[in-house]
Amino acid sequence: RPDLIAYGTSGQHGSYVYRSTGSTEAATPFNRRLTDLYGYQG
């Protein structure tokens, strides 16, 4: 399943990964995961 990257927070995590869950229900299509992509580069 394709996923989503969210960019632009400050601090250690310059971005987050939102993993697709396969669900179409409200508020459940994505499950947030950590990534070191753009750490401190928000």
PDB file of all heavy atoms in Angstrom:
ATOM      1  N   ARG A   1       0.840  -1.202   0.000  1.00  0.00           N
ATOM      2  CA  ARG A   1       0.000   0.000   0.000  1.00  0.00           C
ATOM      3  C   ARG A   1       0.875   1.252   0.000  1.00  0.00           C
ATOM      4  O   ARG A   1       1.879   1.302   0.719  1.00  0.00           O
ATOM      5  CB  ARG A   1      -0.927   0.026   1.217  1.00  0.00           C
ATOM      6  CG  ARG A   1      -1.984  -1.065   1.218  1.00  0.00           C
ATOM      7  CD  ARG A   1      -2.956  -0.867   2.364  1.00  0.00           C
ATOM      8  NE  ARG A   1      -2.303  -0.976   3.653  1.00  0.00           N
ATOM      9  CZ  ARG A   1      -2.230  -2.091   4.368  1.00  0.00           C
ATOM     10  NH1 ARG A   1      -2.746  -3.208   3.889  1.00  0.00           N
ATOM     11  NH2 ARG A   1      -1.629  -2.104   5.539  1.00  0.00           N
ATOM     12  N   PRO A   2       0.495   2.279  -0.760  1.00  0.00           N
ATOM     13  CA  PRO A   2       1.266   3.528  -0.746  1.00  0.00           C
ATOM     14  C   PRO A   2       1.076   4.273   0.564  1.00  0.00           C
ATOM     15  O   PRO A   2       0.037   4.164   1.224  1.00  0.00           O
ATOM     16  CB  PRO A   2       0.686   4.310  -1.931  1.00  0.00           C
ATOM     17  CG  PRO A   2      -0.694   3.776  -2.097  1.00  0.00           C
ATOM     18  CD  PRO A   2      -0.646   2.339  -1.705  1.00  0.00           C
ATOM     19  N   ASP A   3       2.085   5.051   0.933  1.00  0.00           N
ATOM     20  CA  ASP A   3       2.104   5.742   2.219  1.00  0.00           C
ATOM     21  C   ASP A   3       2.257   7.250   2.014  1.00  0.00           C
ATOM     22  O   ASP A   3       2.293   7.745   0.886  1.00  0.00           O
ATOM     23  CB  ASP A   3       3.235   5.179   3.082  1.00  0.00           C
ATOM     24  CG  ASP A   3       3.121   3.673   3.282  1.00  0.00           C
ATOM     25  OD1 ASP A   3       2.061   3.224   3.734  1.00  0.00           O
ATOM     26  OD2 ASP A   3       4.079   2.949   2.950  1.00  0.00           O
ATOM     27  N   LEU A   4       2.391   7.963   3.127  1.00  0.00           N
ATOM     28  CA  LEU A   4       2.414   9.421   3.114  1.00  0.00           C
ATOM     29  C   LEU A   4       3.571   9.907   3.978  1.00  0.00           C
ATOM     30  O   LEU A   4       3.826   9.364   5.054  1.00  0.00           O
ATOM     31  CB  LEU A   4       1.083   9.952   3.668  1.00  0.00           C
ATOM     32  CG  LEU A   4       0.859  11.461   3.712  1.00  0.00           C
ATOM     33  CD1 LEU A   4       0.675  12.023   2.306  1.00  0.00           C
ATOM     34  CD2 LEU A   4      -0.385  11.777   4.550  1.00  0.00           C
ATOM     35  N   ILE A   5       4.287  10.935   3.490  1.00  0.00           N
ATOM     36  CA  ILE A   5       5.312  11.603   4.286  1.00  0.00           C
ATOM     37  C   ILE A   5       4.838  13.014   4.586  1.00  0.00           C
ATOM     38  O   ILE A   5       4.386  13.737   3.698  1.00  0.00           O
ATOM     39  CB  ILE A   5       6.657  11.635   3.545  1.00  0.00           C
ATOM     40  CG1 ILE A   5       7.265  10.235   3.478  1.00  0.00           C
ATOM     41  CG2 ILE A   5       7.634  12.597   4.219  1.00  0.00           C
ATOM     42  CD1 ILE A   5       8.538  10.154   2.671  1.00  0.00           C
ATOM     43  N   ALA A   6       4.925  13.404   5.862  1.00  0.00           N
ATOM     44  CA  ALA A   6       4.545  14.751   6.291  1.00  0.00           C
ATOM     45  C   ALA A   6       5.814  15.496   6.694  1.00  0.00           C
ATOM     46  O   ALA A   6       6.570  15.030   7.544  1.00  0.00           O
ATOM     47  CB  ALA A   6       3.568  14.672   7.454  1.00  0.00           C
ATOM     48  N   TYR A   7       6.025  16.645   6.083  1.00  0.00           N
ATOM     49  CA  TYR A   7       7.267  17.400   6.276  1.00  0.00           C
ATOM     50  C   TYR A   7       6.982  18.750   6.909  1.00  0.00           C
ATOM     51  O   TYR A   7       6.016  19.427   6.555  1.00  0.00           O
ATOM     52  CB  TYR A   7       7.960  17.621   4.935  1.00  0.00           C
ATOM     53  CG  TYR A   7       9.079  18.635   5.001  1.00  0.00           C
ATOM     54  CD1 TYR A   7      10.298  18.311   5.594  1.00  0.00           C
ATOM     55  CD2 TYR A   7       8.920  19.926   4.503  1.00  0.00           C
ATOM     56  CE1 TYR A   7      11.319  19.239   5.683  1.00  0.00           C
ATOM     57  CE2 TYR A   7       9.941  20.856   4.579  1.00  0.00           C
ATOM     58  CZ  TYR A   7      11.137  20.505   5.169  1.00  0.00           C
ATOM     59  OH  TYR A   7      12.155  21.425   5.267  1.00  0.00           O
ATOM     60  N   GLY A   8       7.875  19.160   7.844  1.00  0.00           N
ATOM     61  CA  GLY A   8       7.840  20.538   8.288  1.00  0.00           C
ATOM     62  C   GLY A   8       7.705  20.770   9.765  1.00  0.00           C
ATOM     63  O   GLY A   8       7.488  21.899  10.180  1.00  0.00           O
ATOM     64  N   THR A   9       7.802  19.732  10.601  1.00  0.00           N
ATOM     65  CA  THR A   9       7.804  19.985  12.032  1.00  0.00           C
ATOM     66  C   THR A   9       9.193  20.417  12.461  1.00  0.00           C
ATOM     67  O   THR A   9      10.180  20.196  11.783  1.00  0.00           O
ATOM     68  CB  THR A   9       7.396  18.725  12.811  1.00  0.00           C
ATOM     69  OG1 THR A   9       8.330  17.683  12.517  1.00  0.00           O
ATOM     70  CG2 THR A   9       6.003  18.280  12.438  1.00  0.00           C
ATOM     71  N   SER A  10       9.286  21.037  13.597  1.00  0.00           N
ATOM     72  CA  SER A  10      10.573  21.463  14.123  1.00  0.00           C
ATOM     73  C   SER A  10      11.094  20.409  15.088  1.00  0.00           C
ATOM     74  O   SER A  10      10.427  19.420  15.370  1.00  0.00           O
ATOM     75  CB  SER A  10      10.430  22.813  14.835  1.00  0.00           C
ATOM     76  OG  SER A  10       9.486  22.700  15.892  1.00  0.00           O
ATOM     77  N   GLY A  11      12.313  20.615  15.588  1.00  0.00           N
ATOM     78  CA  GLY A  11      12.881  19.690  16.555  1.00  0.00           C
ATOM     79  C   GLY A  11      13.545  18.506  15.900  1.00  0.00           C
ATOM     80  O   GLY A  11      13.966  18.550  14.747  1.00  0.00           O
ATOM     81  N   GLN A  12      13.638  17.411  16.642  1.00  0.00           N
ATOM     82  CA  GLN A  12      14.399  16.256  16.180  1.00  0.00           C
ATOM     83  C   GLN A  12      13.845  15.668  14.898  1.00  0.00           C
ATOM     84  O   GLN A  12      14.589  15.284  14.008  1.00  0.00           O
ATOM     85  CB  GLN A  12      14.424  15.177  17.272  1.00  0.00           C
ATOM     86  CG  GLN A  12      15.170  13.912  16.844  1.00  0.00           C
ATOM     87  CD  GLN A  12      15.170  12.858  17.933  1.00  0.00           C
ATOM     88  OE1 GLN A  12      14.661  13.097  19.027  1.00  0.00           O
ATOM     89  NE2 GLN A  12      15.729  11.703  17.637  1.00  0.00           N
ATOM     90  N   HIS A  13      12.524  15.586  14.804  1.00  0.00           N
ATOM     91  CA  HIS A  13      11.906  14.944  13.651  1.00  0.00           C
ATOM     92  C   HIS A  13      11.462  16.007  12.647  1.00  0.00           C
ATOM     93  O   HIS A  13      10.480  16.706  12.852  1.00  0.00           O
ATOM     94  CB  HIS A  13      10.727  14.088  14.087  1.00  0.00           C
ATOM     95  CG  HIS A  13      11.108  13.002  15.038  1.00  0.00           C
ATOM     96  ND1 HIS A  13      11.896  11.932  14.676  1.00  0.00           N
ATOM     97  CD2 HIS A  13      10.847  12.838  16.359  1.00  0.00           C
ATOM     98  CE1 HIS A  13      12.086  11.144  15.719  1.00  0.00           C
ATOM     99  NE2 HIS A  13      11.470  11.681  16.755  1.00  0.00           N
ATOM    100  N   GLY A  14      12.218  16.112  11.545  1.00  0.00           N
ATOM    101  CA  GLY A  14      11.844  17.060  10.501  1.00  0.00           C
ATOM    102  C   GLY A  14      10.697  16.562   9.665  1.00  0.00           C
ATOM    103  O   GLY A  14      10.130  17.288   8.867  1.00  0.00           O
ATOM    104  N   SER A  15      10.341  15.292   9.829  1.00  0.00           N
ATOM    105  CA  SER A  15       9.224  14.727   9.077  1.00  0.00           C
ATOM    106  C   SER A  15       8.739  13.470   9.793  1.00  0.00           C
ATOM    107  O   SER A  15       9.407  12.928  10.672  1.00  0.00           O
ATOM    108  CB  SER A  15       9.643  14.397   7.645  1.00  0.00           C
ATOM    109  OG  SER A  15      10.731  13.490   7.642  1.00  0.00           O
ATOM    110  N   TYR A  16       7.556  13.033   9.391  1.00  0.00           N
ATOM    111  CA  TYR A  16       6.979  11.790   9.889  1.00  0.00           C
ATOM    112  C   TYR A  16       6.481  10.979   8.703  1.00  0.00           C
ATOM    113  O   TYR A  16       6.168  11.527   7.631  1.00  0.00           O
ATOM    114  CB  TYR A  16       5.814  12.053  10.842  1.00  0.00           C
ATOM    115  CG  TYR A  16       6.229  12.553  12.207  1.00  0.00           C
ATOM    116  CD1 TYR A  16       6.326  13.914  12.469  1.00  0.00           C
ATOM    117  CD2 TYR A  16       6.520  11.659  13.230  1.00  0.00           C
ATOM    118  CE1 TYR A  16       6.709  14.376  13.718  1.00  0.00           C
ATOM    119  CE2 TYR A  16       6.905  12.118  14.491  1.00  0.00           C
ATOM    120  CZ  TYR A  16       6.995  13.478  14.729  1.00  0.00           C
ATOM    121  OH  TYR A  16       7.377  13.934  15.964  1.00  0.00           O
ATOM    122  N   VAL A  17       6.391   9.687   8.912  1.00  0.00           N
ATOM    123  CA  VAL A  17       5.806   8.793   7.935  1.00  0.00           C
ATOM    124  C   VAL A  17       4.422   8.391   8.434  1.00  0.00           C
ATOM    125  O   VAL A  17       4.253   8.049   9.609  1.00  0.00           O
ATOM    126  CB  VAL A  17       6.674   7.531   7.739  1.00  0.00           C
ATOM    127  CG1 VAL A  17       5.900   6.440   7.006  1.00  0.00           C
ATOM    128  CG2 VAL A  17       7.931   7.876   6.972  1.00  0.00           C
ATOM    129  N   TYR A  18       3.453   8.459   7.531  1.00  0.00           N
ATOM    130  CA  TYR A  18       2.112   7.980   7.839  1.00  0.00           C
ATOM    131  C   TYR A  18       1.845   6.755   6.982  1.00  0.00           C
ATOM    132  O   TYR A  18       1.655   6.842   5.782  1.00  0.00           O
ATOM    133  CB  TYR A  18       1.076   9.081   7.605  1.00  0.00           C
ATOM    134  CG  TYR A  18       1.077  10.106   8.707  1.00  0.00           C
ATOM    135  CD1 TYR A  18       1.980  11.160   8.706  1.00  0.00           C
ATOM    136  CD2 TYR A  18       0.202   9.989   9.781  1.00  0.00           C
ATOM    137  CE1 TYR A  18       1.999  12.089   9.739  1.00  0.00           C
ATOM    138  CE2 TYR A  18       0.211  10.920  10.815  1.00  0.00           C
ATOM    139  CZ  TYR A  18       1.110  11.966  10.786  1.00  0.00           C
ATOM    140  OH  TYR A  18       1.137  12.882  11.814  1.00  0.00           O
ATOM    141  N   ARG A  19       1.853   5.612   7.636  1.00  0.00           N
ATOM    142  CA  ARG A  19       1.707   4.325   6.964  1.00  0.00           C
ATOM    143  C   ARG A  19       0.234   4.049   6.682  1.00  0.00           C
ATOM    144  O   ARG A  19      -0.622   4.185   7.553  1.00  0.00           O
ATOM    145  CB  ARG A  19       2.294   3.228   7.852  1.00  0.00           C
ATOM    146  CG  ARG A  19       2.118   1.827   7.346  1.00  0.00           C
ATOM    147  CD  ARG A  19       2.696   0.829   8.339  1.00  0.00           C
ATOM    148  NE  ARG A  19       2.419  -0.536   7.929  1.00  0.00           N
ATOM    149  CZ  ARG A  19       1.318  -1.193   8.286  1.00  0.00           C
ATOM    150  NH1 ARG A  19       0.413  -0.612   9.032  1.00  0.00           N
ATOM    151  NH2 ARG A  19       1.134  -2.434   7.880  1.00  0.00           N
ATOM    152  N   SER A  20      -0.067   3.651   5.445  1.00  0.00           N
ATOM    153  CA  SER A  20      -1.435   3.304   5.094  1.00  0.00           C
ATOM    154  C   SER A  20      -1.869   2.059   5.852  1.00  0.00           C
ATOM    155  O   SER A  20      -1.118   1.080   5.941  1.00  0.00           O
ATOM    156  CB  SER A  20      -1.566   3.049   3.592  1.00  0.00           C
ATOM    157  OG  SER A  20      -1.274   4.212   2.857  1.00  0.00           O
ATOM    158  N   THR A  21      -3.089   2.089   6.366  1.00  0.00           N
ATOM    159  CA  THR A  21      -3.618   0.944   7.092  1.00  0.00           C
ATOM    160  C   THR A  21      -4.522   0.069   6.227  1.00  0.00           C
ATOM    161  O   THR A  21      -4.833  -1.058   6.602  1.00  0.00           O
ATOM    162  CB  THR A  21      -4.428   1.413   8.308  1.00  0.00           C
ATOM    163  OG1 THR A  21      -5.577   2.157   7.855  1.00  0.00           O
ATOM    164  CG2 THR A  21      -3.576   2.291   9.221  1.00  0.00           C
ATOM    165  N   GLY A  22      -4.989   0.617   5.084  1.00  0.00           N
ATOM    166  CA  GLY A  22      -5.936  -0.124   4.246  1.00  0.00           C
ATOM    167  C   GLY A  22      -7.370   0.094   4.647  1.00  0.00           C
ATOM    168  O   GLY A  22      -8.295  -0.430   4.006  1.00  0.00           O
ATOM    169  N   SER A  23      -7.601   0.885   5.680  1.00  0.00           N
ATOM    170  CA  SER A  23      -8.956   1.149   6.159  1.00  0.00           C
ATOM    171  C   SER A  23      -9.513   2.410   5.505  1.00  0.00           C
ATOM    172  O   SER A  23      -8.788   3.369   5.253  1.00  0.00           O
ATOM    173  CB  SER A  23      -8.954   1.321   7.675  1.00  0.00           C
ATOM    174  OG  SER A  23     -10.217   1.771   8.138  1.00  0.00           O
ATOM    175  N   THR A  24     -10.810   2.423   5.255  1.00  0.00           N
ATOM    176  CA  THR A  24     -11.465   3.607   4.708  1.00  0.00           C
ATOM    177  C   THR A  24     -12.295   4.325   5.765  1.00  0.00           C
ATOM    178  O   THR A  24     -12.989   5.293   5.461  1.00  0.00           O
ATOM    179  CB  THR A  24     -12.390   3.222   3.535  1.00  0.00           C
ATOM    180  OG1 THR A  24     -13.401   2.306   4.018  1.00  0.00           O
ATOM    181  CG2 THR A  24     -11.604   2.563   2.425  1.00  0.00           C
ATOM    182  N   GLU A  25     -12.226   3.845   6.991  1.00  0.00           N
ATOM    183  CA  GLU A  25     -13.002   4.472   8.051  1.00  0.00           C
ATOM    184  C   GLU A  25     -12.381   5.809   8.438  1.00  0.00           C
ATOM    185  O   GLU A  25     -11.181   6.040   8.274  1.00  0.00           O
ATOM    186  CB  GLU A  25     -13.047   3.556   9.283  1.00  0.00           C
ATOM    187  CG  GLU A  25     -13.679   2.201   9.023  1.00  0.00           C
ATOM    188  CD  GLU A  25     -15.132   2.311   8.619  1.00  0.00           C
ATOM    189  OE1 GLU A  25     -15.819   3.207   9.141  1.00  0.00           O
ATOM    190  OE2 GLU A  25     -15.581   1.511   7.775  1.00  0.00           O
ATOM    191  N   ALA A  26     -13.223   6.685   8.994  1.00  0.00           N
ATOM    192  CA  ALA A  26     -12.766   8.009   9.389  1.00  0.00           C
ATOM    193  C   ALA A  26     -11.637   7.914  10.406  1.00  0.00           C
ATOM    194  O   ALA A  26     -11.684   7.107  11.334  1.00  0.00           O
ATOM    195  CB  ALA A  26     -13.937   8.800   9.981  1.00  0.00           C
ATOM    196  N   ALA A  27     -10.622   8.732  10.207  1.00  0.00           N
ATOM    197  CA  ALA A  27      -9.483   8.897  11.126  1.00  0.00           C
ATOM    198  C   ALA A  27      -8.575   7.672  11.207  1.00  0.00           C
ATOM    199  O   ALA A  27      -7.686   7.626  12.044  1.00  0.00           O
ATOM    200  CB  ALA A  27      -9.962   9.273  12.523  1.00  0.00           C
ATOM    201  N   THR A  28      -8.762   6.654  10.332  1.00  0.00           N
ATOM    202  CA  THR A  28      -7.928   5.449  10.437  1.00  0.00           C
ATOM    203  C   THR A  28      -7.145   5.090   9.183  1.00  0.00           C
ATOM    204  O   THR A  28      -6.490   4.046   9.176  1.00  0.00           O
ATOM    205  CB  THR A  28      -8.793   4.235  10.817  1.00  0.00           C
ATOM    206  OG1 THR A  28      -9.796   4.037   9.807  1.00  0.00           O
ATOM    207  CG2 THR A  28      -9.449   4.422  12.168  1.00  0.00           C
ATOM    208  N   PRO A  29      -7.131   5.876   8.097  1.00  0.00           N
ATOM    209  CA  PRO A  29      -6.362   5.445   6.915  1.00  0.00           C
ATOM    210  C   PRO A  29      -4.861   5.415   7.130  1.00  0.00           C
ATOM    211  O   PRO A  29      -4.147   4.748   6.385  1.00  0.00           O
ATOM    212  CB  PRO A  29      -6.743   6.488   5.850  1.00  0.00           C
ATOM    213  CG  PRO A  29      -8.001   7.095   6.329  1.00  0.00           C
ATOM    214  CD  PRO A  29      -7.920   7.077   7.815  1.00  0.00           C
ATOM    215  N   PHE A  30      -4.360   6.148   8.141  1.00  0.00           N
ATOM    216  CA  PHE A  30      -2.916   6.241   8.337  1.00  0.00           C
ATOM    217  C   PHE A  30      -2.539   5.959   9.791  1.00  0.00           C
ATOM    218  O   PHE A  30      -3.287   6.267  10.719  1.00  0.00           O
ATOM    219  CB  PHE A  30      -2.396   7.626   7.955  1.00  0.00           C
ATOM    220  CG  PHE A  30      -2.578   7.972   6.513  1.00  0.00           C
ATOM    221  CD1 PHE A  30      -3.511   8.925   6.130  1.00  0.00           C
ATOM    222  CD2 PHE A  30      -1.834   7.346   5.524  1.00  0.00           C
ATOM    223  CE1 PHE A  30      -3.685   9.250   4.798  1.00  0.00           C
ATOM    224  CE2 PHE A  30      -2.008   7.659   4.194  1.00  0.00           C
ATOM    225  CZ  PHE A  30      -2.937   8.613   3.825  1.00  0.00           C
ATOM    226  N   ASN A  31      -1.344   5.422   9.946  1.00  0.00           N
ATOM    227  CA  ASN A  31      -0.773   5.128  11.253  1.00  0.00           C
ATOM    228  C   ASN A  31       0.622   5.731  11.279  1.00  0.00           C
ATOM    229  O   ASN A  31       1.481   5.360  10.488  1.00  0.00           O
ATOM    230  CB  ASN A  31      -0.710   3.611  11.462  1.00  0.00           C
ATOM    231  CG  ASN A  31      -0.254   3.226  12.843  1.00  0.00           C
ATOM    232  OD1 ASN A  31       0.066   4.084  13.665  1.00  0.00           O
ATOM    233  ND2 ASN A  31      -0.214   1.933  13.100  1.00  0.00           N
ATOM    234  N   ARG A  32       0.879   6.660  12.195  1.00  0.00           N
ATOM    235  CA  ARG A  32       2.124   7.422  12.165  1.00  0.00           C
ATOM    236  C   ARG A  32       3.314   6.593  12.622  1.00  0.00           C
ATOM    237  O   ARG A  32       3.234   5.812  13.568  1.00  0.00           O
ATOM    238  CB  ARG A  32       2.020   8.673  13.037  1.00  0.00           C
ATOM    239  CG  ARG A  32       3.167   9.651  12.783  1.00  0.00           C
ATOM    240  CD  ARG A  32       2.921  10.982  13.431  1.00  0.00           C
ATOM    241  NE  ARG A  32       3.365  11.007  14.815  1.00  0.00           N
ATOM    242  CZ  ARG A  32       3.513  12.134  15.528  1.00  0.00           C
ATOM    243  NH1 ARG A  32       3.217  13.293  14.975  1.00  0.00           N
ATOM    244  NH2 ARG A  32       3.898  12.086  16.775  1.00  0.00           N
ATOM    245  N   ARG A  33       4.444   6.773  11.915  1.00  0.00           N
ATOM    246  CA  ARG A  33       5.705   6.125  12.244  1.00  0.00           C
ATOM    247  C   ARG A  33       6.819   7.171  12.218  1.00  0.00           C
ATOM    248  O   ARG A  33       6.720   8.189  11.532  1.00  0.00           O
ATOM    249  CB  ARG A  33       6.028   5.016  11.232  1.00  0.00           C
ATOM    250  CG  ARG A  33       5.108   3.818  11.332  1.00  0.00           C
ATOM    251  CD  ARG A  33       5.424   2.996  12.575  1.00  0.00           C
ATOM    252  NE  ARG A  33       4.664   1.768  12.625  1.00  0.00           N
ATOM    253  CZ  ARG A  33       3.484   1.640  13.200  1.00  0.00           C
ATOM    254  NH1 ARG A  33       2.918   2.694  13.755  1.00  0.00           N
ATOM    255  NH2 ARG A  33       2.862   0.480  13.230  1.00  0.00           N
ATOM    256  N   LEU A  34       7.906   6.875  12.923  1.00  0.00           N
ATOM    257  CA  LEU A  34       9.044   7.788  12.958  1.00  0.00           C
ATOM    258  C   LEU A  34       9.946   7.561  11.751  1.00  0.00           C
ATOM    259  O   LEU A  34       9.987   6.482  11.172  1.00  0.00           O
ATOM    260  CB  LEU A  34       9.850   7.594  14.233  1.00  0.00           C
ATOM    261  CG  LEU A  34       9.158   7.944  15.553  1.00  0.00           C
ATOM    262  CD1 LEU A  34      10.092   7.649  16.712  1.00  0.00           C
ATOM    263  CD2 LEU A  34       8.713   9.400  15.579  1.00  0.00           C
ATOM    264  N   THR A  35      10.699   8.597  11.402  1.00  0.00           N
ATOM    265  CA  THR A  35      11.732   8.504  10.374  1.00  0.00           C
ATOM    266  C   THR A  35      12.829   9.501  10.695  1.00  0.00           C
ATOM    267  O   THR A  35      12.573  10.537  11.329  1.00  0.00           O
ATOM    268  CB  THR A  35      11.162   8.790   8.979  1.00  0.00           C
ATOM    269  OG1 THR A  35      12.220   8.757   8.016  1.00  0.00           O
ATOM    270  CG2 THR A  35      10.496  10.156   8.906  1.00  0.00           C
ATOM    271  N   ASP A  36      14.059   9.184  10.287  1.00  0.00           N
ATOM    272  CA  ASP A  36      15.153  10.140  10.461  1.00  0.00           C
ATOM    273  C   ASP A  36      15.334  11.017   9.231  1.00  0.00           C
ATOM    274  O   ASP A  36      16.284  11.784   9.146  1.00  0.00           O
ATOM    275  CB  ASP A  36      16.453   9.434  10.813  1.00  0.00           C
ATOM    276  CG  ASP A  36      16.897   8.420   9.761  1.00  0.00           C
ATOM    277  OD1 ASP A  36      16.144   8.196   8.790  1.00  0.00           O
ATOM    278  OD2 ASP A  36      17.988   7.845   9.904  1.00  0.00           O
ATOM    279  N   LEU A  37      14.433  10.929   8.261  1.00  0.00           N
ATOM    280  CA  LEU A  37      14.469  11.822   7.106  1.00  0.00           C
ATOM    281  C   LEU A  37      14.243  13.257   7.567  1.00  0.00           C
ATOM    282  O   LEU A  37      13.282  13.551   8.275  1.00  0.00           O
ATOM    283  CB  LEU A  37      13.376  11.415   6.111  1.00  0.00           C
ATOM    284  CG  LEU A  37      13.165  12.346   4.923  1.00  0.00           C
ATOM    285  CD1 LEU A  37      14.371  12.306   3.985  1.00  0.00           C
ATOM    286  CD2 LEU A  37      11.893  11.959   4.160  1.00  0.00           C
ATOM    287  N   TYR A  38      15.152  14.142   7.185  1.00  0.00           N
ATOM    288  CA  TYR A  38      15.083  15.572   7.505  1.00  0.00           C
ATOM    289  C   TYR A  38      15.092  15.837   9.020  1.00  0.00           C
ATOM    290  O   TYR A  38      14.466  16.778   9.496  1.00  0.00           O
ATOM    291  CB  TYR A  38      13.854  16.229   6.872  1.00  0.00           C
ATOM    292  CG  TYR A  38      13.765  16.054   5.385  1.00  0.00           C
ATOM    293  CD1 TYR A  38      12.548  15.789   4.766  1.00  0.00           C
ATOM    294  CD2 TYR A  38      14.905  16.122   4.592  1.00  0.00           C
ATOM    295  CE1 TYR A  38      12.463  15.608   3.392  1.00  0.00           C
ATOM    296  CE2 TYR A  38      14.824  15.942   3.224  1.00  0.00           C
ATOM    297  CZ  TYR A  38      13.596  15.686   2.630  1.00  0.00           C
ATOM    298  OH  TYR A  38      13.516  15.499   1.266  1.00  0.00           O
ATOM    299  N   GLY A  39      15.786  14.976   9.773  1.00  0.00           N
ATOM    300  CA  GLY A  39      15.927  15.238  11.192  1.00  0.00           C
ATOM    301  C   GLY A  39      16.575  16.598  11.426  1.00  0.00           C
ATOM    302  O   GLY A  39      17.607  16.906  10.831  1.00  0.00           O
ATOM    303  N   TYR A  40      15.964  17.420  12.266  1.00  0.00           N
ATOM    304  CA  TYR A  40      16.416  18.780  12.564  1.00  0.00           C
ATOM    305  C   TYR A  40      16.459  19.669  11.319  1.00  0.00           C
ATOM    306  O   TYR A  40      17.191  20.657  11.273  1.00  0.00           O
ATOM    307  CB  TYR A  40      17.809  18.759  13.227  1.00  0.00           C
ATOM    308  CG  TYR A  40      17.826  18.050  14.558  1.00  0.00           C
ATOM    309  CD1 TYR A  40      18.365  16.775  14.666  1.00  0.00           C
ATOM    310  CD2 TYR A  40      17.292  18.641  15.701  1.00  0.00           C
ATOM    311  CE1 TYR A  40      18.382  16.104  15.891  1.00  0.00           C
ATOM    312  CE2 TYR A  40      17.305  17.986  16.919  1.00  0.00           C
ATOM    313  CZ  TYR A  40      17.852  16.722  17.009  1.00  0.00           C
ATOM    314  OH  TYR A  40      17.858  16.060  18.207  1.00  0.00           O
ATOM    315  N   GLN A  41      15.688  19.320  10.287  1.00  0.00           N
ATOM    316  CA  GLN A  41      15.687  20.125   9.060  1.00  0.00           C
ATOM    317  C   GLN A  41      14.268  20.532   8.667  1.00  0.00           C
ATOM    318  O   GLN A  41      13.949  20.682   7.510  1.00  0.00           O
ATOM    319  CB  GLN A  41      16.305  19.329   7.905  1.00  0.00           C
ATOM    320  CG  GLN A  41      17.789  19.071   8.058  1.00  0.00           C
ATOM    321  CD  GLN A  41      18.346  18.270   6.894  1.00  0.00           C
ATOM    322  OE1 GLN A  41      17.886  17.181   6.581  1.00  0.00           O
ATOM    323  NE2 GLN A  41      19.340  18.819   6.242  1.00  0.00           N
ATOM    324  N   GLY A  42      13.419  20.719   9.643  1.00  0.00           N
ATOM    325  CA  GLY A  42      12.022  21.011   9.363  1.00  0.00           C
ATOM    326  C   GLY A  42      11.773  22.331   8.674  1.00  0.00           C
ATOM    327  O   GLY A  42      10.670  22.569   8.199  1.00  0.00           O
TER     328      GLY A  42
END
